[in-house]
Amino acid sequence: MTITSGGDNLGVYIPYFTAFKSQYLGLVLLVFFLGIIILIELSRWLTKLSSVSEIIEEFERIMVPL
């Protein structure tokens, strides 16, 4: 997801991940992936709420391009 978002993310994350020593890189990647999973699950949970789902459907033509 980060890679497909654009080159600006690559410009931030590549130096960020290369700055860590190899002993810490696994922990950093674990925290990074856990954060992504939490955001995905939170998004999935929010879309199951009928009030949020109705708002998303009402404004999807505006939100999707943004």
C-alpha atoms as a PDB file:
ATOM      1  CA  MET A   1       0.000   0.000   0.000  1.00  0.00           C
ATOM      2  CA  THR A   2       2.819   2.374   0.818  1.00  0.00           C
ATOM      3  CA  ILE A   3       4.612   1.674  -2.448  1.00  0.00           C
ATOM      4  CA  THR A   4       1.500   2.219  -4.554  1.00  0.00           C
ATOM      5  CA  SER A   5       0.770   5.563  -2.880  1.00  0.00           C
ATOM      6  CA  GLY A   6       3.590   7.262  -4.725  1.00  0.00           C
ATOM      7  CA  GLY A   7       7.221   8.156  -4.858  1.00  0.00           C
ATOM      8  CA  ASP A   8       7.014  10.619  -1.999  1.00  0.00           C
ATOM      9  CA  ASN A   9       6.386   7.742   0.404  1.00  0.00           C
ATOM     10  CA  LEU A  10       9.355   5.869  -1.011  1.00  0.00           C
ATOM     11  CA  GLY A  11      11.493   8.957  -0.456  1.00  0.00           C
ATOM     12  CA  VAL A  12      10.547   8.885   3.213  1.00  0.00           C
ATOM     13  CA  TYR A  13      10.444   5.187   4.019  1.00  0.00           C
ATOM     14  CA  ILE A  14      13.597   3.967   2.262  1.00  0.00           C
ATOM     15  CA  PRO A  15      15.944   6.257   4.233  1.00  0.00           C
ATOM     16  CA  TYR A  16      13.911   5.580   7.375  1.00  0.00           C
ATOM     17  CA  PHE A  17      14.298   1.815   7.132  1.00  0.00           C
ATOM     18  CA  THR A  18      17.939   1.885   6.015  1.00  0.00           C
ATOM     19  CA  ALA A  19      18.917   4.001   9.027  1.00  0.00           C
ATOM     20  CA  PHE A  20      18.201   1.144  11.445  1.00  0.00           C
ATOM     21  CA  LYS A  21      20.719  -1.466  12.435  1.00  0.00           C
ATOM     22  CA  SER A  22      19.778  -4.948  11.313  1.00  0.00           C
ATOM     23  CA  GLN A  23      18.979  -6.029  14.872  1.00  0.00           C
ATOM     24  CA  TYR A  24      16.228  -3.402  15.128  1.00  0.00           C
ATOM     25  CA  LEU A  25      14.903  -3.649  11.581  1.00  0.00           C
ATOM     26  CA  GLY A  26      12.726  -6.671  12.339  1.00  0.00           C
ATOM     27  CA  LEU A  27      11.077  -4.879  15.247  1.00  0.00           C
ATOM     28  CA  VAL A  28      10.530  -1.735  13.184  1.00  0.00           C
ATOM     29  CA  LEU A  29       8.972  -3.741  10.343  1.00  0.00           C
ATOM     30  CA  LEU A  30       6.745  -5.598  12.804  1.00  0.00           C
ATOM     31  CA  VAL A  31       5.456  -2.336  14.299  1.00  0.00           C
ATOM     32  CA  PHE A  32       4.996  -0.885  10.807  1.00  0.00           C
ATOM     33  CA  PHE A  33       2.957  -3.876   9.602  1.00  0.00           C
ATOM     34  CA  LEU A  34       0.915  -3.988  12.822  1.00  0.00           C
ATOM     35  CA  GLY A  35       0.044  -0.330  12.298  1.00  0.00           C
ATOM     36  CA  ILE A  36      -1.109  -1.049   8.756  1.00  0.00           C
ATOM     37  CA  ILE A  37      -3.222  -3.995   9.937  1.00  0.00           C
ATOM     38  CA  ILE A  38      -4.804  -1.884  12.676  1.00  0.00           C
ATOM     39  CA  LEU A  39      -5.687   0.882  10.199  1.00  0.00           C
ATOM     40  CA  ILE A  40      -7.186  -1.601   7.741  1.00  0.00           C
ATOM     41  CA  GLU A  41      -9.276  -3.293  10.423  1.00  0.00           C
ATOM     42  CA  LEU A  42     -10.416   0.075  11.809  1.00  0.00           C
ATOM     43  CA  SER A  43     -11.479   1.114   8.313  1.00  0.00           C
ATOM     44  CA  ARG A  44     -13.327  -2.155   7.810  1.00  0.00           C
ATOM     45  CA  TRP A  45     -15.101  -1.751  11.161  1.00  0.00           C
ATOM     46  CA  LEU A  46     -16.089   1.856  10.423  1.00  0.00           C
ATOM     47  CA  THR A  47     -17.607   0.953   7.070  1.00  0.00           C
ATOM     48  CA  LYS A  48     -19.822  -1.644   8.735  1.00  0.00           C
ATOM     49  CA  LEU A  49     -21.488   1.068  10.821  1.00  0.00           C
ATOM     50  CA  SER A  50     -24.623   2.110   8.980  1.00  0.00           C
ATOM     51  CA  SER A  51     -24.273   5.832   9.726  1.00  0.00           C
ATOM     52  CA  VAL A  52     -20.676   5.943   8.486  1.00  0.00           C
ATOM     53  CA  SER A  53     -21.534   3.780   5.487  1.00  0.00           C
ATOM     54  CA  GLU A  54     -24.338   6.147   4.481  1.00  0.00           C
ATOM     55  CA  ILE A  55     -22.025   9.165   4.689  1.00  0.00           C
ATOM     56  CA  ILE A  56     -19.395   7.397   2.603  1.00  0.00           C
ATOM     57  CA  GLU A  57     -21.948   6.450  -0.042  1.00  0.00           C
ATOM     58  CA  GLU A  58     -23.308   9.992  -0.127  1.00  0.00           C
ATOM     59  CA  PHE A  59     -19.923  11.652  -0.627  1.00  0.00           C
ATOM     60  CA  GLU A  60     -17.988   8.897  -2.433  1.00  0.00           C
ATOM     61  CA  ARG A  61     -17.785  10.886  -5.671  1.00  0.00           C
ATOM     62  CA  ILE A  62     -15.899  13.587  -3.811  1.00  0.00           C
ATOM     63  CA  MET A  63     -13.821  11.394  -1.469  1.00  0.00           C
ATOM     64  CA  VAL A  64     -12.493   8.835  -3.963  1.00  0.00           C
ATOM     65  CA  PRO A  65     -10.607  11.309  -6.174  1.00  0.00           C
ATOM     66  CA  LEU A  66      -9.185  13.037  -3.104  1.00  0.00           C
END
